[in-house]
Amino acid sequence: MTDTTNPAAASVALRVQASLRAELERLEKMALAVRAEHSDALHQFRVSARRARAVIRAARPVVGDYYDVLDVELRWLGTETGPARDLEVLQANLEPVVAALDEDEGGGLAILSVVRADQEVARRRVIEALLSERFSVLLEVFRSATVAPAAVVGDESPQSIARGQVERLWKARRRLGDDPTDTALHAIRIKVKRTRYAVEVLVGRDAEEAKELTKALRNLQDLIGVHQDAHVAEERIRAYAVPGADLAAGRIIERERSIRVKVRQRLPTAWRRLARASGTANA
C-alpha cells in the first residue's frame, strides 16, 4: 500500500469526499423537487448521480474500490430515471416543432399525445424508485461514504488523473473515425461528459489550468447532445406510428435529420478547440 501521507494523493481523496457530499445534498434536494414535479428537477437529479459516478471512477487509482457499492446503486438509479428524462427532452423539443406544422399540426399533436402518455408511465417508474427501500438504502450508503475521506491506496495527483482521463478520451476519439455512427457519437459524448466532471472536481472548474479545457469539453458535450436529441427524436417518431400522422412525422424526421447534419459539420471545429485546450498535438 502506498504511503497514505502522500499530499497529492490525499488531496484527491479529500476532493472526492467534498464532491460526493455536495452531490448527495443536491440529490436529496432534487428528489423532493422531482416528486413535486418542479421544472428541470429530474435533469438536475440525474446530473448529481452522474457527477458522483464520474468522480468515483476517475479516483479509483487513488481510492481503489472504496466507493464501488455506491457506484452500483447510482447506476441502478440512472437506469430507473433515464427513460423519463429521455421522454421529457423529447416532449420539450417536439412541442415548438409541432406548433409550427400549420396544416399538419393535428398529426403532430397526435404524436405528442403518445409521447406524453409514455412520459407519464416513465415518470411513475421514477416516483416508485424514489419511494423504494432501495433508494433509502442508497442514500444511507451515500451518507456513509461522505463521513470520512477514503483510504489512499495509490499515489496519483489530481492533475495526473485528469490527464489520464483526457488521454483516454483522445484514444476513443481516434478510434471514432471521421464518420461515426449515431450510436458511437452518443458513446463518446458520455466519455466527454465523464472527463469534464473529473477535471472539474479533481482540478477545479475555476482553476486557471482547467478553465479552457472544461469550456471546450462542455461545448463538445452540448454539441453532441443536440445530435443525440435529434437522433432519439427521429427514432421515437418512427416508433409512434399514429394513424393520420404520416405527414407530420415525415416533416419532423426531416427537421431532425437536418439538425444532425449541421451538428456533424460543426464537430471538427469543436474537436480542434478541445485539442488546443488539452494541449493534444495532431488530435
Protein backbone atom coordinates (compact mmCIF):
# COMPACT_ATOMS: atom_id res chain seq x y z
CA MET A 1 0.00 0.00 0.00
CA THR A 2 1.25 3.44 -0.88
CA ASP A 3 2.19 5.90 1.86
CA THR A 4 -1.13 7.46 2.83
CA THR A 5 0.58 10.73 3.77
CA ASN A 6 1.29 11.49 0.09
CA PRO A 7 -0.12 15.06 -0.14
CA ALA A 8 -1.19 14.92 -3.78
CA ALA A 9 -3.00 11.60 -3.42
CA ALA A 10 -4.53 12.66 -0.11
CA SER A 11 -5.89 15.76 -1.83
CA VAL A 12 -7.70 13.50 -4.34
CA ALA A 13 -9.42 11.64 -1.51
CA LEU A 14 -10.44 14.90 0.13
CA ARG A 15 -11.76 16.40 -3.10
CA VAL A 16 -13.77 13.27 -3.85
CA GLN A 17 -15.26 13.33 -0.36
CA ALA A 18 -16.23 17.01 -0.68
CA SER A 19 -17.68 16.45 -4.14
CA LEU A 20 -19.75 13.47 -3.05
CA ARG A 21 -21.06 15.39 -0.05
CA ALA A 22 -22.21 18.21 -2.34
CA GLU A 23 -23.82 15.79 -4.81
CA LEU A 24 -25.61 13.94 -2.01
CA GLU A 25 -27.06 17.21 -0.77
CA ARG A 26 -28.23 18.13 -4.25
CA LEU A 27 -29.56 14.62 -4.92
CA GLU A 28 -31.72 14.71 -1.79
CA LYS A 29 -32.98 18.19 -2.63
CA MET A 30 -33.75 17.28 -6.23
CA ALA A 31 -35.50 14.05 -5.19
CA LEU A 32 -38.09 16.17 -3.37
CA ALA A 33 -38.32 18.50 -6.36
CA VAL A 34 -38.87 15.59 -8.74
CA ARG A 35 -41.72 14.29 -6.61
CA ALA A 36 -43.21 17.80 -6.61
CA GLU A 37 -42.86 17.95 -10.43
CA HIS A 38 -40.62 21.01 -10.42
CA SER A 39 -39.25 22.05 -13.79
CA ASP A 40 -35.80 20.62 -14.65
CA ALA A 41 -35.65 18.74 -11.34
CA LEU A 42 -35.21 15.32 -12.94
CA HIS A 43 -32.38 16.63 -15.10
CA GLN A 44 -30.55 18.09 -12.10
CA PHE A 45 -31.20 14.92 -10.11
CA ARG A 46 -29.57 12.82 -12.81
CA VAL A 47 -26.65 15.25 -13.17
CA SER A 48 -25.81 14.75 -9.48
CA ALA A 49 -25.82 10.98 -9.82
CA ARG A 50 -23.70 11.11 -12.99
CA ARG A 51 -21.18 13.52 -11.50
CA ALA A 52 -20.81 11.31 -8.45
CA ARG A 53 -20.22 8.23 -10.60
CA ALA A 54 -17.74 10.03 -12.84
CA VAL A 55 -15.68 11.19 -9.86
CA ILE A 56 -15.78 7.74 -8.24
CA ARG A 57 -14.48 6.09 -11.40
CA ALA A 58 -11.82 8.73 -12.01
CA ALA A 59 -10.49 8.47 -8.45
CA ARG A 60 -10.08 4.67 -8.43
CA PRO A 61 -6.29 4.86 -9.00
CA VAL A 62 -6.09 6.60 -5.62
CA VAL A 63 -9.00 5.23 -3.55
CA GLY A 64 -9.43 1.79 -5.10
CA ASP A 65 -12.82 0.11 -4.73
CA TYR A 66 -13.87 2.13 -1.67
CA TYR A 67 -16.93 3.59 -3.41
CA ASP A 68 -17.87 0.62 -5.61
CA VAL A 69 -21.10 -0.20 -3.76
CA LEU A 70 -22.25 3.39 -4.12
CA ASP A 71 -21.34 3.31 -7.81
CA VAL A 72 -23.53 0.22 -8.35
CA GLU A 73 -26.50 1.85 -6.64
CA LEU A 74 -26.10 5.08 -8.59
CA ARG A 75 -26.02 3.06 -11.81
CA TRP A 76 -29.35 1.48 -10.81
CA LEU A 77 -30.75 4.94 -10.17
CA GLY A 78 -29.68 6.06 -13.63
CA THR A 79 -31.44 3.09 -15.20
CA GLU A 80 -34.67 3.86 -13.37
CA THR A 81 -34.72 7.54 -14.28
CA GLY A 82 -33.25 7.52 -17.79
CA PRO A 83 -36.41 6.76 -19.81
CA ALA A 84 -38.38 9.55 -18.13
CA ARG A 85 -35.64 12.07 -18.82
CA ASP A 86 -35.36 10.98 -22.46
CA LEU A 87 -39.09 11.45 -22.96
CA GLU A 88 -39.01 14.75 -21.07
CA VAL A 89 -36.40 16.06 -23.52
CA LEU A 90 -38.29 14.65 -26.49
CA GLN A 91 -41.53 16.32 -25.41
CA ALA A 92 -39.83 19.68 -24.84
CA ASN A 93 -38.16 19.51 -28.25
CA LEU A 94 -41.28 18.43 -30.12
CA GLU A 95 -43.73 20.97 -28.71
CA PRO A 96 -42.42 24.03 -30.63
CA VAL A 97 -41.87 21.92 -33.75
CA VAL A 98 -45.45 20.65 -33.71
CA ALA A 99 -46.78 24.17 -33.12
CA ALA A 100 -45.10 25.26 -36.37
CA LEU A 101 -46.53 22.47 -38.54
CA ASP A 102 -49.51 24.53 -39.70
CA GLU A 103 -51.89 22.23 -41.62
CA ASP A 104 -50.10 19.15 -40.25
CA GLU A 105 -50.32 20.27 -36.62
CA GLY A 106 -53.14 17.81 -35.90
CA GLY A 107 -50.90 14.87 -36.75
CA GLY A 108 -48.13 16.34 -34.67
CA LEU A 109 -50.44 16.72 -31.69
CA ALA A 110 -51.47 13.09 -32.06
CA ILE A 111 -47.82 12.07 -31.88
CA LEU A 112 -47.27 14.35 -28.88
CA SER A 113 -50.18 12.75 -27.04
CA VAL A 114 -48.47 9.36 -27.31
CA VAL A 115 -45.17 10.85 -26.12
CA ARG A 116 -46.90 12.41 -23.11
CA ALA A 117 -48.64 9.16 -22.24
CA ASP A 118 -45.33 7.27 -22.33
CA GLN A 119 -43.68 10.03 -20.33
CA GLU A 120 -46.29 9.67 -17.61
CA VAL A 121 -45.64 5.94 -17.38
CA ALA A 122 -41.90 6.59 -17.17
CA ARG A 123 -42.43 9.26 -14.54
CA ARG A 124 -44.38 6.81 -12.38
CA ARG A 125 -41.39 4.49 -12.58
CA VAL A 126 -39.19 7.32 -11.27
CA ILE A 127 -41.52 8.03 -8.36
CA GLU A 128 -41.68 4.34 -7.47
CA ALA A 129 -37.89 4.24 -7.44
CA LEU A 130 -37.65 7.32 -5.18
CA LEU A 131 -40.17 5.81 -2.75
CA SER A 132 -38.49 2.40 -2.75
CA GLU A 133 -36.50 0.78 0.00
CA ARG A 134 -33.55 0.56 -2.36
CA PHE A 135 -33.41 4.33 -2.76
CA SER A 136 -33.47 4.73 1.03
CA VAL A 137 -30.56 2.29 1.27
CA LEU A 138 -28.75 4.19 -1.49
CA LEU A 139 -28.99 7.42 0.49
CA GLU A 140 -27.63 5.67 3.58
CA VAL A 141 -24.73 4.26 1.58
CA PHE A 142 -24.13 7.71 0.12
CA ARG A 143 -24.12 9.38 3.55
CA SER A 144 -21.73 6.78 4.95
CA ALA A 145 -19.38 7.36 2.04
CA THR A 146 -19.09 11.06 2.84
CA VAL A 147 -18.36 10.77 6.57
CA ALA A 148 -14.61 10.50 6.04
CA PRO A 149 -12.26 10.51 3.04
CA ALA A 150 -11.39 7.13 1.56
CA ALA A 151 -8.12 5.47 2.46
CA VAL A 152 -5.38 6.27 -0.05
CA VAL A 153 -4.11 3.23 -1.94
CA GLY A 154 -2.44 4.98 -4.89
CA ASP A 155 -0.17 7.97 -5.35
CA GLU A 156 -1.59 9.87 -8.33
CA SER A 157 -2.25 13.60 -8.14
CA PRO A 158 -5.45 15.37 -9.25
CA GLN A 159 -3.61 16.63 -12.32
CA SER A 160 -2.26 13.22 -13.33
CA ILE A 161 -5.69 11.62 -13.02
CA ALA A 162 -7.24 14.41 -15.09
CA ARG A 163 -4.54 13.99 -17.74
CA GLY A 164 -5.23 10.27 -17.83
CA GLN A 165 -8.92 10.93 -18.37
CA VAL A 166 -8.16 13.31 -21.25
CA GLU A 167 -5.72 10.85 -22.83
CA ARG A 168 -8.30 8.06 -22.73
CA LEU A 169 -10.83 10.38 -24.33
CA TRP A 170 -8.44 11.12 -27.20
CA LYS A 171 -7.78 7.42 -27.73
CA ALA A 172 -11.53 6.92 -28.05
CA ARG A 173 -11.70 9.89 -30.42
CA ARG A 174 -9.07 8.35 -32.71
CA ARG A 175 -11.00 5.08 -32.79
CA LEU A 176 -14.16 7.01 -33.65
CA GLY A 177 -13.06 7.87 -37.18
CA ASP A 178 -14.33 10.70 -39.37
CA ASP A 179 -17.85 9.41 -40.00
CA PRO A 180 -19.04 7.74 -36.77
CA THR A 181 -22.42 6.15 -36.32
CA ASP A 182 -25.02 7.92 -34.20
CA THR A 183 -24.53 5.28 -31.51
CA ALA A 184 -20.76 5.79 -31.48
CA LEU A 185 -21.21 9.55 -31.17
CA HIS A 186 -23.51 9.09 -28.21
CA ALA A 187 -20.97 6.78 -26.55
CA ILE A 188 -18.15 9.28 -26.91
CA ARG A 189 -20.38 12.06 -25.57
CA ILE A 190 -20.65 10.05 -22.36
CA LYS A 191 -16.84 9.88 -22.22
CA VAL A 192 -16.60 13.63 -22.83
CA LYS A 193 -19.05 14.29 -20.02
CA ARG A 194 -17.23 12.00 -17.59
CA THR A 195 -13.91 13.61 -18.46
CA ARG A 196 -15.33 17.06 -17.84
CA TYR A 197 -16.78 16.09 -14.46
CA ALA A 198 -13.49 14.53 -13.39
CA VAL A 199 -11.48 17.61 -14.38
CA GLU A 200 -13.94 19.99 -12.70
CA VAL A 201 -13.82 18.11 -9.40
CA LEU A 202 -10.22 16.93 -9.20
CA VAL A 203 -8.51 20.00 -10.66
CA GLY A 204 -11.27 22.56 -10.07
CA ARG A 205 -13.52 24.17 -12.65
CA ASP A 206 -12.15 27.63 -11.72
CA ALA A 207 -8.50 26.57 -11.73
CA GLU A 208 -6.62 28.54 -14.37
CA GLU A 209 -5.10 25.38 -15.86
CA ALA A 210 -8.54 23.83 -16.37
CA LYS A 211 -10.73 26.75 -17.49
CA GLU A 212 -10.30 26.40 -21.24
CA LEU A 213 -10.33 22.62 -21.05
CA THR A 214 -13.64 22.44 -19.19
CA LYS A 215 -15.16 25.02 -21.55
CA ALA A 216 -14.09 23.01 -24.59
CA LEU A 217 -15.38 19.78 -23.06
CA ARG A 218 -18.69 21.41 -22.22
CA ASN A 219 -19.00 22.83 -25.74
CA LEU A 220 -18.37 19.42 -27.32
CA GLN A 221 -20.70 17.68 -24.87
CA ASP A 222 -23.53 20.10 -25.64
CA LEU A 223 -23.00 19.89 -29.39
CA ILE A 224 -23.11 16.10 -29.47
CA GLY A 225 -26.08 16.29 -27.11
CA VAL A 226 -28.04 18.22 -29.75
CA HIS A 227 -27.17 15.48 -32.23
CA GLN A 228 -28.30 12.77 -29.80
CA ASP A 229 -31.59 14.53 -29.09
CA ALA A 230 -32.28 14.71 -32.85
CA HIS A 231 -31.35 11.04 -33.28
CA VAL A 232 -33.64 9.96 -30.44
CA ALA A 233 -36.45 12.15 -31.78
CA GLU A 234 -36.26 10.52 -35.21
CA GLU A 235 -36.19 7.01 -33.75
CA ARG A 236 -39.13 7.74 -31.46
CA ILE A 237 -41.21 9.37 -34.18
CA ARG A 238 -40.74 6.29 -36.35
CA ALA A 239 -41.89 4.10 -33.47
CA TYR A 240 -45.01 6.18 -32.82
CA ALA A 241 -46.95 5.08 -35.89
CA VAL A 242 -50.03 7.15 -35.13
CA PRO A 243 -52.76 6.82 -37.79
CA GLY A 244 -53.16 10.01 -39.81
CA ALA A 245 -49.86 11.50 -38.64
CA ASP A 246 -47.65 10.39 -41.54
CA LEU A 247 -47.12 13.86 -42.99
CA ALA A 248 -46.38 15.38 -39.60
CA ALA A 249 -43.99 12.56 -38.76
CA GLY A 250 -42.19 12.98 -42.07
CA ARG A 251 -41.71 16.70 -41.55
CA ILE A 252 -40.42 16.20 -38.03
CA ILE A 253 -37.99 13.50 -39.16
CA GLU A 254 -36.72 15.74 -41.95
CA ARG A 255 -36.05 18.50 -39.43
CA GLU A 256 -34.20 16.17 -37.04
CA ARG A 257 -32.02 14.86 -39.87
CA SER A 258 -31.15 18.42 -40.84
CA ILE A 259 -30.09 19.16 -37.27
CA ARG A 260 -27.83 16.10 -37.21
CA VAL A 261 -26.16 17.11 -40.48
CA LYS A 262 -25.46 20.61 -39.16
CA VAL A 263 -24.02 19.26 -35.91
CA ARG A 264 -21.69 16.90 -37.75
CA GLN A 265 -20.43 19.82 -39.80
CA ARG A 266 -19.52 21.67 -36.61
CA LEU A 267 -17.87 18.74 -34.82
CA PRO A 268 -14.36 19.04 -36.35
CA THR A 269 -14.10 22.62 -35.07
CA ALA A 270 -15.23 21.54 -31.59
CA TRP A 271 -12.65 18.76 -31.52
CA ARG A 272 -9.91 21.16 -32.62
CA ARG A 273 -10.87 23.53 -29.84
CA LEU A 274 -10.60 20.67 -27.36
CA ALA A 275 -7.22 19.68 -28.81
CA ARG A 276 -5.89 23.20 -28.24
CA ALA A 277 -7.32 23.36 -24.73
CA SER A 278 -5.90 19.97 -23.77
CA GLY A 279 -2.52 20.52 -25.42
CA THR A 280 -3.05 17.47 -27.61
CA ALA A 281 -0.99 17.58 -30.79
CA ASN A 282 -2.24 16.01 -34.02
CA ALA A 283 -5.54 15.06 -32.39
